[in-house]
Each structure stands twice: as structure tokens, then as C-alpha cells.
């Protein structure tokens, strides 16, 4: 009798467990967007009564969630900061069909969101973006953010330099912007010509990097050909310490959270040549090299405002030998560089204000045989931007900026043309920008004007641009742009020189992301006017360049 009861009990348990094992799951999948059909990244999707069943949307806004059939009486909740939570009963949702869930903005909670995720023109009309992980995974970057750009189809770096150039234009015609401030010649291990092998930026302190290969947004000034927009870290997940040691370098990075809304990142590196040169005795042209650098990034966020400060200092030098006038001569060079970027942002409902200030100083000297050349640069920048969201589809942006640049260049020695130049420019400007977005279409128009003339003979300078973007589907888009620009370009090759260049550009670009596949294509035409140095005559001459590409 006992054996009979045990047999039935075991059969009942096996039937119950098999029914649980083979129970069907409900598959919910789809896309999370806002009212303008733009993807919402990292939205939380979960069940109201069973929050442990959750997932998050990816960069395209897509998600997938498998739910046991026994939870059909529950409700699906979609939430993201700055938007009203979307809640709907599972029984009212189509099963195993594509869902498009549209989130509505919650302006009462949006102040803090606008501070951290304020939509910039550089984001909306940029087709190339990299984050920290993509920089590290780039096969040619060596962990450097600017070297990672050389794999982009639009990159046309012909010199062995990390300074980016796009679509055939020289590197001086493109800007590298850190948190709204242009960092001129942002490379290290530099020669007097401005060439350098690595950038001045630490990838660990970078949140995102966006690239405009052409028609750079006029919310940034003094950019002619292309623009690289770098944003430093705004959120720190946890405090940590990193230590790196190699044959020629030791580095330390400390990231420290200060409460819930502030943090500081501090790092330093010391590069030395002893062990490297000892094990590589074939490097007979190099006697010694060293560098010492220090960087800091600090950020704090309050209810309606945020503050950020980024600063960097480096001192580098080397001694070696090189051929000059058919003879092997001693050479040595050193350079010191210091820059800092200050940002303050304020948001209130549909109004957003930002203040950016920066300074950039460098001094370098090179001695080869009887040649002694030195160059000192000082750059100061200040800009303000005011943005107002008229509606969910339309915002207006206006701002003022002022930039001052001074270059002192000196070269002397026997059998060389001596030079002692002191050059400078000041560039006060005002700009206005309008962006309109409706469903799949985005339109941006901007104007930027110089407020004062540098010379009495100068003509008024006005730059203008138009971007039109059509979102074909959630993964692909087509963009047309046209613009006319002006910018001051600083040249350190040959004799130091500053000239005001002009450019007119037309471009049609296609971009698509399908899973791990990225497709891009572009055709462009541009005309540039600027000064070119002719070494044979030792003079600068104004030339016109026309470039077309596919």
C-alpha cells in the first residue's frame, strides 16, 4: 500500500515539474521612442508585480523580454528619467508582435535630464560616434581617442600625426573641441611643425566622441573643415584605482566619488627611457627621452545646474642625433603644455544656459646644430549659449563667443633665415541656430557672424549652414548639408603664420546600423581659400583648392 501511494506521488510530481518545464513563455519585443520617433537608450522595461523580470533598451531603442505565461495578469512598465512612465496590462498587448512604445516627456522632472543629456547640434547631425570601449577596441588607436579616428572613411591623415584631418583638408582647418572649448594642436610628442604621435586626452576621462567630417555645426566657432566634439565623463559608476607599468612608463589613475552627485578623477604618468634604451641598443640616434604629465576632471550636479572642470599639464623632452647639412649633429627639444576647461550649465524647464571658459598655454624649444628655434602660444576662450525649447519639435539657440590667440616664434642661427614673429588675433562672434524636428525629418539652420573687423580692409564675415536629415527607419538615415565658413588657421611650418581662410561645402551622407554592422557612404564637394607656404620662395601665397570625393 505504501509502495502504491509513493508511485502515484512520484508520478504527480513528475507531471507537475514537466508542465512547469514545458510552459510557454510570452515574447515581448519592440522599440522605445519619444514623440519625435527618436530611439530612447537604456529605458527600463519590467513587470509591475514582478520587477525582477526586466530588461533595458539598446542604442537603437530595441528590447526583448520573455515572460512566463502565468504572469499574464501583470502589467508592463516602461520608465526613463525625464519621461512619464508607460504602463499597460499584458493582456491588452499583442503577443509575439512588434511593439512601438512612445514615451511622453515629463517637464517637471526634466531639469536634471537636460543638464546631463541636453541635445546638442553636434549630436543630432553627427553620423560618427565613439565611446570609451570603441576607442579601446580600435586596432589602430593604441588606446588613444584621436588615433582611433584614422580608421574612419572620411579621415585623410597623410602625416604620421594624431592631429585629425578630414576630406582632404589640412589638420589646421579642423577643430578638436573638449566640453565646448577648442584645444588647438591637441597632440603630444610634438615637433615644431605641430606633428605629434598621440593626443593630450586620457580615454578613461572621455564619455563620448562625435565627428563631423564636413559642415561642422555653427554652434562652435572658428572651424573650417571638420570638427571632433569630445565630452568628458559626467557620471562615475564607482570609485577605483588603476596602475599601469611598462618598460618606459608608470601611470596611476584615481577615480573618487564624492557623495551621489559629484566625483573627481586624477591621473599622472612618468615616462623614462633607461630600461627601454638599455634593451634596445640599436636606437643609437636617440640618447634619452622623458615626460611627466598630470590631469584632473571633476564634476558636480545639483537640481538645476552642473559644474565641470578639466585640466591637463605635460612636460616632455628628448635628446638625440639627426642628420643636418650632410652631417650627424646633436639635437634636443622640450615642450611644456597646460590647458584648462571650465563649464557651468543651468536648466529650467524649457530653458537651458551654459557658460564655457578655457585657457591653453604652450612653450617649446628645439636645438639642432647651430639652429635654435622656440615657439610660445597663449589662447583664451569664453562662450555662452542660450537654448529655448519652443515645443517638443522646435528649439532656438543663440550665443556669444570670444577667442584670443597669440603666437611668439623665434628662429636664429648661422646659415639659416632668422625669424622673430609675434602674431595674434581676436575673434568675437555671435551665432543663432534653429532646429525643427517632425517625425522622421530634422532640419537645422544656423548663422554665425564676426562682430568686429580685424583690419580696416576686411569685409564682414558671415557663416551659414543648413542640415536636412531624414530617418529612413530606426537604423538608417540620409542627410544633406550645405554651408559657408570662415576660420583663422595657425601655421607653424616654415615661418609662423596666421591667415583667415574661407570654405564652401556640399555633402550628401547615408548612414545605417544593423546589429554589429555599420554602413556609411558620402559624396561631397568643397572649395577652400587660404594661404599656402612655398618653401622654394620662402613665402606664403593665397591659393584656392577644390576637392570632390565619394
Protein backbone atom coordinates (compact mmCIF):
# COMPACT_ATOMS: atom_id res chain seq x y z
CA UNK A 1 0.00 0.00 0.00
CA UNK A 2 2.83 2.37 0.84
CA UNK A 3 4.62 1.46 -2.38
CA UNK A 4 1.42 2.19 -4.37
CA UNK A 5 0.99 5.66 -2.77
CA UNK A 6 4.66 6.53 -3.37
CA UNK A 7 4.30 5.57 -7.03
CA UNK A 8 1.32 7.89 -7.52
CA UNK A 9 3.07 10.68 -5.61
CA UNK A 10 6.17 10.44 -7.80
CA UNK A 11 4.01 10.44 -10.97
CA UNK A 12 2.18 13.55 -9.76
CA UNK A 13 5.45 15.36 -9.03
CA UNK A 14 6.87 14.42 -12.43
CA UNK A 15 3.71 15.66 -14.18
CA UNK A 16 3.81 18.98 -12.27
CA UNK A 17 7.51 19.56 -12.95
CA UNK A 18 7.17 18.66 -16.65
CA UNK A 19 4.23 21.05 -17.03
CA UNK A 20 6.35 23.81 -15.50
CA UNK A 21 9.30 22.91 -17.72
CA UNK A 22 7.27 22.98 -20.93
CA UNK A 23 5.14 26.02 -20.04
CA UNK A 24 5.21 28.59 -22.82
CA UNK A 25 6.82 32.00 -22.43
CA UNK A 26 5.36 35.19 -23.82
CA UNK A 27 7.83 37.05 -26.03
CA UNK A 28 7.57 40.82 -25.98
CA UNK A 29 9.82 42.76 -28.34
CA UNK A 30 9.82 46.16 -29.98
CA UNK A 31 11.25 49.67 -29.77
CA UNK A 32 11.11 52.55 -27.28
CA UNK A 33 10.93 56.03 -28.84
CA UNK A 34 9.98 59.59 -27.91
CA UNK A 35 7.35 61.74 -29.60
CA UNK A 36 9.77 62.56 -32.41
CA UNK A 37 10.40 58.85 -33.11
CA UNK A 38 13.95 59.09 -31.76
CA UNK A 39 15.25 55.98 -30.01
CA UNK A 40 15.38 56.07 -26.20
CA UNK A 41 18.52 54.32 -24.97
CA UNK A 42 18.66 52.44 -21.61
CA UNK A 43 14.93 52.67 -20.84
CA UNK A 44 13.83 50.21 -18.13
CA UNK A 45 11.24 47.59 -19.16
CA UNK A 46 9.82 45.39 -16.36
CA UNK A 47 6.68 43.83 -14.84
CA UNK A 48 4.84 45.84 -12.21
CA UNK A 49 4.30 42.97 -9.74
CA UNK A 50 7.46 41.08 -10.69
CA UNK A 51 10.21 43.73 -11.12
CA UNK A 52 12.91 41.04 -11.21
CA UNK A 53 11.75 40.29 -14.78
CA UNK A 54 13.33 43.27 -16.52
CA UNK A 55 15.48 44.39 -19.43
CA UNK A 56 16.70 47.65 -20.98
CA UNK A 57 16.54 49.14 -24.47
CA UNK A 58 19.71 49.25 -26.57
CA UNK A 59 21.18 52.19 -28.51
CA UNK A 60 18.53 51.76 -31.24
CA UNK A 61 15.78 51.68 -28.59
CA UNK A 62 15.06 47.98 -29.23
CA UNK A 63 14.25 45.47 -26.48
CA UNK A 64 13.13 41.88 -25.92
CA UNK A 65 11.60 40.38 -22.77
CA UNK A 66 10.48 36.76 -22.22
CA UNK A 67 7.66 36.44 -19.68
CA UNK A 68 6.18 33.19 -18.25
CA UNK A 69 2.57 32.68 -19.35
CA UNK A 70 1.36 32.53 -15.76
CA UNK A 71 2.16 36.27 -15.36
CA UNK A 72 -0.43 37.33 -17.99
CA UNK A 73 -2.43 39.25 -15.38
CA UNK A 74 0.53 41.55 -14.66
CA UNK A 75 1.29 44.93 -16.29
CA UNK A 76 4.27 46.07 -18.36
CA UNK A 77 6.05 49.22 -17.19
CA UNK A 78 8.49 51.30 -19.28
CA UNK A 79 10.34 54.11 -17.50
CA UNK A 80 13.17 56.51 -18.20
CA UNK A 81 14.26 59.63 -16.36
CA UNK A 82 12.72 62.74 -17.88
CA UNK A 83 9.72 60.83 -19.29
CA UNK A 84 6.38 59.76 -17.87
CA UNK A 85 6.22 56.06 -17.03
CA UNK A 86 4.28 54.00 -19.57
CA UNK A 87 2.10 51.27 -18.03
CA UNK A 88 -0.17 48.80 -19.82
CA UNK A 89 -1.76 45.44 -18.95
CA UNK A 90 -0.13 42.45 -20.65
CA UNK A 91 -3.48 41.10 -21.76
CA UNK A 92 -4.01 44.31 -23.77
CA UNK A 93 -0.71 43.96 -25.65
CA UNK A 94 -0.29 41.95 -28.88
CA UNK A 95 1.74 38.83 -28.15
CA UNK A 96 4.74 37.95 -30.33
CA UNK A 97 4.25 41.10 -32.41
CA UNK A 98 6.48 44.16 -32.77
CA UNK A 99 5.62 46.90 -30.28
CA UNK A 100 6.44 50.59 -30.62
CA UNK A 101 6.11 52.30 -27.26
CA UNK A 102 6.20 56.10 -27.30
CA UNK A 103 7.24 57.87 -24.09
CA UNK A 104 5.90 61.32 -23.23
CA UNK A 105 8.25 63.95 -21.80
CA UNK A 106 7.77 64.98 -18.18
CA UNK A 107 8.97 68.59 -17.98
CA UNK A 108 8.60 68.68 -14.20
CA UNK A 109 11.46 66.18 -13.97
CA UNK A 110 13.42 67.26 -17.00
CA UNK A 111 15.71 69.92 -15.49
CA UNK A 112 18.33 67.42 -14.33
CA UNK A 113 17.98 65.39 -17.51
CA UNK A 114 18.62 68.41 -19.74
CA UNK A 115 21.80 69.09 -17.78
CA UNK A 116 23.21 65.66 -18.49
CA UNK A 117 21.54 64.82 -21.82
CA UNK A 118 20.98 68.21 -23.43
CA UNK A 119 20.58 67.56 -27.19
CA UNK A 120 23.49 69.28 -28.92
CA UNK A 121 23.62 70.14 -32.61
CA UNK A 122 26.84 68.10 -32.77
CA UNK A 123 24.88 65.04 -31.63
CA UNK A 124 21.80 65.41 -33.81
CA UNK A 125 23.63 65.93 -37.11
CA UNK A 126 26.73 63.83 -36.47
CA UNK A 127 26.89 60.44 -38.19
CA UNK A 128 30.02 59.17 -36.43
CA UNK A 129 30.19 58.46 -32.71
CA UNK A 130 32.64 56.60 -30.47
CA UNK A 131 32.57 55.78 -26.79
CA UNK A 132 35.37 54.67 -24.49
CA UNK A 133 35.02 50.97 -25.27
CA UNK A 134 35.08 51.52 -29.05
CA UNK A 135 38.28 53.55 -28.71
CA UNK A 136 39.98 50.76 -26.78
CA UNK A 137 38.83 48.13 -29.28
CA UNK A 138 40.07 50.06 -32.32
CA UNK A 139 43.00 48.12 -33.85
CA UNK A 140 44.97 51.28 -34.73
CA UNK A 141 44.16 53.53 -31.76
CA UNK A 142 46.60 52.13 -29.17
CA UNK A 143 44.05 53.41 -26.64
CA UNK A 144 44.25 56.96 -27.99
CA UNK A 145 40.99 58.77 -28.94
CA UNK A 146 42.38 60.80 -31.86
CA UNK A 147 44.34 57.89 -33.32
CA UNK A 148 41.06 55.94 -33.34
CA UNK A 149 39.68 58.40 -35.91
CA UNK A 150 42.17 57.33 -38.57
CA UNK A 151 40.02 54.27 -39.40
CA UNK A 152 37.05 56.45 -40.38
CA UNK A 153 36.41 56.63 -44.15
CA UNK A 154 36.47 60.45 -44.04
CA UNK A 155 39.87 60.63 -42.32
CA UNK A 156 42.68 61.71 -44.66
CA UNK A 157 45.69 61.80 -42.34
CA UNK A 158 48.73 61.72 -44.63
CA UNK A 159 51.30 62.73 -42.00
CA UNK A 160 52.19 60.44 -39.09
CA UNK A 161 50.27 62.61 -36.67
CA UNK A 162 47.31 62.13 -34.34
CA UNK A 163 46.02 65.57 -35.35
CA UNK A 164 42.89 64.72 -37.41
CA UNK A 165 42.25 65.89 -40.96
CA UNK A 166 39.09 65.19 -42.95
CA UNK A 167 38.18 65.00 -46.64
CA UNK A 168 41.49 66.33 -47.94
CA UNK A 169 41.73 69.46 -45.80
CA UNK A 170 44.79 70.19 -43.67
CA UNK A 171 44.71 69.44 -39.95
CA UNK A 172 44.74 73.14 -39.00
CA UNK A 173 41.34 73.54 -40.70
CA UNK A 174 39.65 71.12 -38.28
CA UNK A 175 38.83 71.71 -34.64
CA UNK A 176 39.09 69.38 -31.65
CA UNK A 177 36.63 70.61 -29.02
CA UNK A 178 36.63 69.48 -25.38
CA UNK A 179 33.44 70.34 -23.47
CA UNK A 180 32.74 73.32 -25.73
CA UNK A 181 36.31 74.72 -25.84
CA UNK A 182 38.66 74.32 -28.80
CA UNK A 183 42.01 72.70 -27.94
CA UNK A 184 44.49 73.82 -30.61
CA UNK A 185 47.07 71.27 -31.78
CA UNK A 186 45.92 68.65 -29.22
CA UNK A 187 48.87 66.25 -29.61
CA UNK A 188 51.95 65.27 -27.62
CA UNK A 189 55.47 64.14 -28.62
CA UNK A 190 55.25 67.14 -30.92
CA UNK A 191 57.68 68.63 -33.38
CA UNK A 192 57.90 72.33 -34.14
CA UNK A 193 55.77 71.65 -37.22
CA UNK A 194 52.90 70.62 -34.95
CA UNK A 195 53.05 66.89 -35.74
CA UNK A 196 52.52 64.59 -32.77
CA UNK A 197 52.03 60.86 -32.29
CA UNK A 198 49.43 60.85 -29.50
CA UNK A 199 46.66 63.11 -28.28
CA UNK A 200 46.59 65.01 -24.99
CA UNK A 201 43.41 63.25 -23.83
CA UNK A 202 43.09 60.31 -21.45
CA UNK A 203 40.49 57.85 -22.76
CA UNK A 204 39.45 56.96 -19.20
CA UNK A 205 38.16 60.52 -18.77
CA UNK A 206 36.13 60.53 -22.01
CA UNK A 207 32.40 59.81 -22.16
CA UNK A 208 31.80 60.22 -25.90
CA UNK A 209 33.42 61.45 -29.09
CA UNK A 210 31.46 62.72 -32.11
CA UNK A 211 32.85 63.55 -35.53
CA UNK A 212 31.72 65.96 -38.23
CA UNK A 213 33.78 65.18 -41.32
CA UNK A 214 32.34 68.25 -43.03
CA UNK A 215 29.92 71.14 -42.46
CA UNK A 216 30.71 71.50 -38.73
CA UNK A 217 27.85 72.95 -36.63
CA UNK A 218 27.97 76.73 -36.24
CA UNK A 219 27.31 76.48 -32.51
CA UNK A 220 31.10 76.03 -32.46
CA UNK A 221 33.25 78.81 -33.87
CA UNK A 222 36.44 79.04 -35.90
CA UNK A 223 36.00 75.65 -37.57
CA UNK A 224 36.50 75.31 -41.31
CA UNK A 225 36.66 71.69 -42.49
CA UNK A 226 35.72 69.23 -39.75
CA UNK A 227 35.07 69.01 -36.03
CA UNK A 228 35.70 66.47 -33.27
CA UNK A 229 33.43 67.03 -30.25
CA UNK A 230 34.73 65.34 -27.07
CA UNK A 231 32.68 65.12 -23.89
CA UNK A 232 34.37 64.23 -20.61
CA UNK A 233 32.89 61.82 -18.08
CA UNK A 234 29.69 63.11 -16.46
CA UNK A 235 28.81 60.08 -14.34
CA UNK A 236 31.07 57.82 -12.29
CA UNK A 237 29.79 54.34 -11.51
CA UNK A 238 32.22 53.54 -8.69
CA UNK A 239 35.45 54.68 -7.08
CA UNK A 240 38.51 52.86 -8.38
CA UNK A 241 42.29 52.97 -8.73
CA UNK A 242 44.25 51.92 -11.82
CA UNK A 243 48.00 51.40 -12.04
CA UNK A 244 49.90 50.79 -15.28
CA UNK A 245 53.56 49.82 -15.56
CA UNK A 246 55.66 49.22 -18.66
CA UNK A 247 59.28 49.25 -19.74
CA UNK A 248 59.23 53.02 -20.20
CA UNK A 249 56.23 54.31 -18.25
CA UNK A 250 54.39 54.20 -14.95
CA UNK A 251 50.91 55.66 -14.57
CA UNK A 252 48.29 55.98 -11.82
CA UNK A 253 44.60 56.92 -12.11
CA UNK A 254 42.28 57.50 -9.16
CA UNK A 255 38.53 57.97 -9.64
CA UNK A 256 36.74 59.02 -6.45
CA UNK A 257 33.02 59.57 -5.91
CA UNK A 258 32.08 62.44 -3.60
CA UNK A 259 28.58 61.68 -2.43
CA UNK A 260 25.96 60.78 -5.03
CA UNK A 261 26.28 63.78 -7.34
CA UNK A 262 29.98 64.65 -7.51
CA UNK A 263 33.28 62.97 -8.31
CA UNK A 264 36.90 63.70 -9.16
CA UNK A 265 39.32 61.86 -11.47
CA UNK A 266 43.05 62.44 -11.07
CA UNK A 267 45.86 60.77 -13.00
CA UNK A 268 49.58 61.10 -13.65
CA UNK A 269 52.23 59.45 -15.81
CA UNK A 270 56.01 59.38 -15.73
CA UNK A 271 57.84 58.25 -18.85
CA UNK A 272 61.53 57.30 -18.69
CA UNK A 273 63.99 55.96 -21.22
CA UNK A 274 66.59 53.97 -19.23
CA UNK A 275 65.30 50.35 -19.45
CA UNK A 276 63.96 50.81 -22.98
CA UNK A 277 67.24 52.12 -24.41
CA UNK A 278 69.24 49.51 -22.48
CA UNK A 279 67.29 46.64 -24.06
CA UNK A 280 67.14 48.32 -27.49
CA UNK A 281 70.76 49.27 -28.03
CA UNK A 282 70.12 49.65 -31.78
CA UNK A 283 68.48 53.03 -31.06
CA UNK A 284 71.79 54.84 -31.44
CA UNK A 285 70.13 58.03 -32.77
CA UNK A 286 68.19 58.51 -29.53
CA UNK A 287 70.08 59.44 -26.36
CA UNK A 288 67.28 59.99 -23.83
CA UNK A 289 63.61 60.93 -23.55
CA UNK A 290 61.17 61.59 -20.74
CA UNK A 291 57.78 63.12 -20.00
CA UNK A 292 55.70 63.92 -16.94
CA UNK A 293 52.01 64.70 -17.13
CA UNK A 294 49.12 65.31 -14.74
CA UNK A 295 45.39 65.55 -15.44
CA UNK A 296 42.19 66.17 -13.47
CA UNK A 297 38.47 66.02 -14.24
CA UNK A 298 35.92 66.98 -11.60
CA UNK A 299 32.14 67.18 -11.92
CA UNK A 300 29.23 68.09 -9.66
CA UNK A 301 25.48 68.14 -10.34
CA UNK A 302 22.72 69.91 -8.46
CA UNK A 303 18.98 70.10 -9.06
CA UNK A 304 19.13 72.67 -11.87
CA UNK A 305 22.81 73.22 -12.53
CA UNK A 306 26.08 71.37 -13.03
CA UNK A 307 29.77 72.21 -12.92
CA UNK A 308 32.78 70.60 -14.61
CA UNK A 309 36.50 71.39 -14.67
CA UNK A 310 39.09 69.58 -16.79
CA UNK A 311 42.81 70.45 -16.71
CA UNK A 312 46.00 68.91 -18.08
CA UNK A 313 49.75 69.60 -17.84
CA UNK A 314 52.67 67.89 -19.59
CA UNK A 315 56.43 68.43 -19.68
CA UNK A 316 58.28 66.38 -22.32
CA UNK A 317 61.82 66.38 -23.69
CA UNK A 318 64.32 64.31 -25.65
CA UNK A 319 67.97 64.32 -26.73
CA UNK A 320 69.41 62.57 -29.75
CA UNK A 321 71.18 62.94 -33.06
CA UNK A 322 69.98 63.69 -36.58
CA UNK A 323 71.48 64.49 -39.97
CA UNK A 324 71.73 68.17 -40.82
CA UNK A 325 73.65 69.53 -43.83
CA UNK A 326 75.02 66.02 -44.55
CA UNK A 327 76.48 65.69 -41.06
CA UNK A 328 75.34 63.93 -37.89
CA UNK A 329 74.53 66.65 -35.34
CA UNK A 330 73.30 66.71 -31.76
CA UNK A 331 69.68 67.72 -31.26
CA UNK A 332 67.45 68.30 -28.28
CA UNK A 333 63.93 69.55 -27.74
CA UNK A 334 61.48 70.11 -24.93
CA UNK A 335 57.92 71.36 -24.59
CA UNK A 336 55.57 72.32 -21.78
CA UNK A 337 51.81 72.42 -22.21
CA UNK A 338 48.95 73.46 -19.91
CA UNK A 339 45.24 73.82 -20.64
CA UNK A 340 42.06 74.01 -18.61
CA UNK A 341 38.32 73.93 -19.43
CA UNK A 342 35.59 75.23 -17.12
CA UNK A 343 31.86 74.55 -17.70
CA UNK A 344 28.71 75.66 -15.89
CA UNK A 345 25.26 74.58 -17.08
CA UNK A 346 21.84 75.66 -15.86
CA UNK A 347 18.42 74.31 -16.85
CA UNK A 348 14.89 75.37 -16.00
CA UNK A 349 12.00 73.64 -17.76
CA UNK A 350 12.38 74.60 -21.45
CA UNK A 351 15.34 76.95 -20.96
CA UNK A 352 18.97 75.90 -20.97
CA UNK A 353 22.05 78.08 -20.41
CA UNK A 354 25.74 77.22 -20.49
CA UNK A 355 28.96 79.09 -19.82
CA UNK A 356 32.28 77.71 -21.10
CA UNK A 357 35.74 79.16 -20.50
CA UNK A 358 39.18 77.83 -21.34
CA UNK A 359 42.87 78.66 -21.45
CA UNK A 360 45.67 76.99 -23.40
CA UNK A 361 49.40 77.68 -22.96
CA UNK A 362 52.45 76.03 -24.50
CA UNK A 363 56.14 76.74 -24.87
CA UNK A 364 58.59 74.64 -26.87
CA UNK A 365 62.22 74.87 -27.89
CA UNK A 366 64.34 72.88 -30.35
CA UNK A 367 68.10 72.99 -30.95
CA UNK A 368 69.80 71.23 -33.88
CA UNK A 369 73.43 72.03 -34.64
CA UNK A 370 73.51 75.84 -34.92
CA UNK A 371 69.72 76.27 -35.16
CA UNK A 372 67.82 77.47 -32.12
CA UNK A 373 64.04 77.73 -32.56
CA UNK A 374 61.34 78.41 -29.98
CA UNK A 375 57.59 78.95 -30.04
CA UNK A 376 55.19 80.15 -27.35
CA UNK A 377 51.40 80.10 -27.66
CA UNK A 378 48.66 81.56 -25.47
CA UNK A 379 44.97 81.06 -26.14
CA UNK A 380 41.92 82.23 -24.16
CA UNK A 381 38.28 81.43 -24.95
CA UNK A 382 34.91 82.36 -23.49
CA UNK A 383 31.47 81.48 -24.84
CA UNK A 384 27.87 81.45 -23.68
CA UNK A 385 24.91 79.61 -25.19
CA UNK A 386 21.21 80.01 -24.53
CA UNK A 387 18.74 77.41 -25.78
CA UNK A 388 14.95 77.55 -25.60
CA UNK A 389 12.61 74.66 -26.44
CA UNK A 390 9.63 76.34 -28.10
CA UNK A 391 7.97 72.93 -28.37
CA UNK A 392 8.97 69.29 -28.50
CA UNK A 393 9.73 69.73 -32.20
CA UNK A 394 11.42 73.15 -32.23
CA UNK A 395 14.22 74.79 -30.30
CA UNK A 396 16.14 78.03 -30.78
CA UNK A 397 19.75 78.56 -29.74
CA UNK A 398 21.86 81.72 -29.66
CA UNK A 399 25.19 82.64 -28.18
CA UNK A 400 28.26 84.86 -27.96
CA UNK A 401 31.91 83.86 -28.05
CA UNK A 402 35.33 85.47 -27.93
CA UNK A 403 38.71 83.89 -28.64
CA UNK A 404 42.19 85.40 -28.35
CA UNK A 405 45.30 83.72 -29.75
CA UNK A 406 48.93 84.90 -29.54
CA UNK A 407 51.99 83.20 -31.06
CA UNK A 408 55.64 84.17 -30.47
CA UNK A 409 58.05 82.42 -32.86
CA UNK A 410 61.81 82.89 -32.89
CA UNK A 411 64.46 81.16 -35.03
CA UNK A 412 68.13 82.04 -35.19
CA UNK A 413 71.48 80.52 -36.11
CA UNK A 414 74.19 80.57 -38.73
CA UNK A 415 73.27 79.84 -42.37
CA UNK A 416 69.52 79.99 -41.60
CA UNK A 417 66.99 82.69 -42.20
CA UNK A 418 66.41 84.32 -38.84
CA UNK A 419 62.83 84.97 -37.82
CA UNK A 420 61.24 86.74 -34.88
CA UNK A 421 57.47 86.94 -35.20
CA UNK A 422 54.72 87.95 -32.79
CA UNK A 423 51.29 87.13 -34.22
CA UNK A 424 47.85 87.36 -32.71
CA UNK A 425 44.14 87.54 -33.49
CA UNK A 426 40.93 88.16 -31.59
CA UNK A 427 37.64 86.68 -32.76
CA UNK A 428 34.41 87.97 -31.14
CA UNK A 429 31.35 86.30 -32.69
CA UNK A 430 27.61 85.81 -32.32
CA UNK A 431 25.54 82.91 -33.61
CA UNK A 432 21.93 81.80 -33.90
CA UNK A 433 20.65 78.31 -34.63
CA UNK A 434 17.22 76.79 -35.23
CA UNK A 435 16.36 73.10 -35.15
CA UNK A 436 12.99 71.68 -36.20
CA UNK A 437 12.10 68.01 -36.00
CA UNK A 438 8.88 66.34 -37.08
CA UNK A 439 8.53 62.57 -37.10
CA UNK A 440 11.37 61.38 -39.36
CA UNK A 441 12.59 64.75 -40.65
CA UNK A 442 15.12 67.02 -38.91
CA UNK A 443 16.06 70.47 -40.20
CA UNK A 444 18.78 72.70 -38.79
CA UNK A 445 19.75 76.21 -39.95
CA UNK A 446 22.42 78.45 -38.47
CA UNK A 447 24.22 81.77 -38.90
CA UNK A 448 27.46 82.95 -37.31
CA UNK A 449 28.95 86.42 -37.69
CA UNK A 450 32.15 88.19 -36.71
CA UNK A 451 31.29 91.18 -34.50
CA UNK A 452 34.38 93.29 -35.27
CA UNK A 453 36.76 93.52 -38.22
CA UNK A 454 40.45 92.78 -37.66
CA UNK A 455 41.63 95.17 -40.39
CA UNK A 456 40.03 98.22 -41.97
CA UNK A 457 40.12 96.47 -45.34
CA UNK A 458 38.32 93.37 -44.07
CA UNK A 459 34.85 92.56 -45.33
CA UNK A 460 32.10 91.49 -42.92
CA UNK A 461 32.35 87.76 -42.26
CA UNK A 462 29.14 85.73 -42.05
CA UNK A 463 28.96 81.93 -41.99
CA UNK A 464 25.80 79.97 -42.68
CA UNK A 465 24.70 76.35 -42.93
CA UNK A 466 21.69 74.08 -43.42
CA UNK A 467 21.32 70.43 -42.40
CA UNK A 468 18.41 68.25 -43.55
CA UNK A 469 18.18 64.72 -42.17
CA UNK A 470 15.63 62.02 -42.99
CA UNK A 471 15.31 58.96 -40.76
CA UNK A 472 14.55 56.18 -43.24
CA UNK A 473 13.87 53.69 -40.45
CA UNK A 474 15.10 53.05 -36.95
CA UNK A 475 18.54 52.03 -38.19
CA UNK A 476 19.33 54.19 -41.24
CA UNK A 477 19.25 57.84 -42.24
CA UNK A 478 20.05 60.16 -45.15
CA UNK A 479 21.49 63.63 -44.59
CA UNK A 480 22.14 66.58 -46.92
CA UNK A 481 24.10 69.64 -45.82
CA UNK A 482 25.46 72.85 -47.29
CA UNK A 483 27.48 75.59 -45.64
CA UNK A 484 29.86 78.50 -45.95
CA UNK A 485 32.53 79.01 -43.28
CA UNK A 486 35.48 81.16 -42.24
CA UNK A 487 38.21 80.46 -39.68
CA UNK A 488 41.64 81.59 -38.56
CA UNK A 489 44.31 78.96 -39.20
CA UNK A 490 47.65 78.97 -37.37
CA UNK A 491 50.63 77.54 -39.26
CA UNK A 492 53.92 76.65 -37.59
CA UNK A 493 55.66 75.03 -40.57
CA UNK A 494 58.12 77.27 -42.40
CA UNK A 495 57.65 80.76 -40.95
CA UNK A 496 54.88 81.12 -38.34
CA UNK A 497 51.76 82.49 -39.98
CA UNK A 498 48.08 83.18 -39.28
CA UNK A 499 45.53 83.61 -42.05
CA UNK A 500 41.76 83.88 -42.36
CA UNK A 501 40.50 81.07 -44.59
CA UNK A 502 37.12 80.52 -46.27
CA UNK A 503 35.30 77.38 -47.33
CA UNK A 504 32.07 76.40 -49.10
CA UNK A 505 30.87 72.80 -48.74
CA UNK A 506 28.16 70.49 -50.08
CA UNK A 507 27.60 66.94 -48.83
CA UNK A 508 25.15 64.04 -49.07
CA UNK A 509 25.62 61.26 -46.50
CA UNK A 510 24.00 57.90 -45.78
CA UNK A 511 24.39 56.03 -42.51
CA UNK A 512 22.98 52.70 -41.27
CA UNK A 513 23.43 50.50 -38.20
CA UNK A 514 22.13 46.92 -38.39
CA UNK A 515 23.21 44.98 -35.34
CA UNK A 516 27.01 44.84 -35.39
CA UNK A 517 27.17 46.09 -38.98
CA UNK A 518 27.77 49.76 -39.75
CA UNK A 519 27.33 51.07 -43.30
CA UNK A 520 28.19 54.62 -44.36
CA UNK A 521 28.56 56.42 -47.67
CA UNK A 522 29.05 60.05 -48.65
CA UNK A 523 29.67 62.30 -51.62
CA UNK A 524 30.94 65.85 -51.17
CA UNK A 525 32.36 68.89 -52.90
CA UNK A 526 34.11 71.84 -51.29
CA UNK A 527 36.08 74.92 -52.24
CA UNK A 528 38.69 76.41 -49.87
CA UNK A 529 40.62 79.69 -49.98
CA UNK A 530 43.71 80.06 -47.82
CA UNK A 531 47.44 80.69 -47.64
CA UNK A 532 49.98 78.00 -48.61
CA UNK A 533 53.72 78.09 -47.79
CA UNK A 534 56.12 77.65 -50.72
CA UNK A 535 59.48 76.58 -49.31
CA UNK A 536 61.39 77.33 -52.54
CA UNK A 537 60.47 81.02 -52.40
CA UNK A 538 60.08 81.13 -48.63
CA UNK A 539 56.75 82.95 -48.97
CA UNK A 540 53.06 82.46 -48.24
CA UNK A 541 50.66 82.76 -51.17
CA UNK A 542 46.86 82.69 -51.27
CA UNK A 543 45.55 79.67 -53.17
CA UNK A 544 42.20 78.14 -53.97
CA UNK A 545 41.58 74.41 -53.57
CA UNK A 546 38.62 72.46 -54.90
CA UNK A 547 38.00 68.93 -53.66
CA UNK A 548 35.35 66.36 -54.52
CA UNK A 549 35.08 62.85 -53.14
CA UNK A 550 32.96 59.77 -52.76
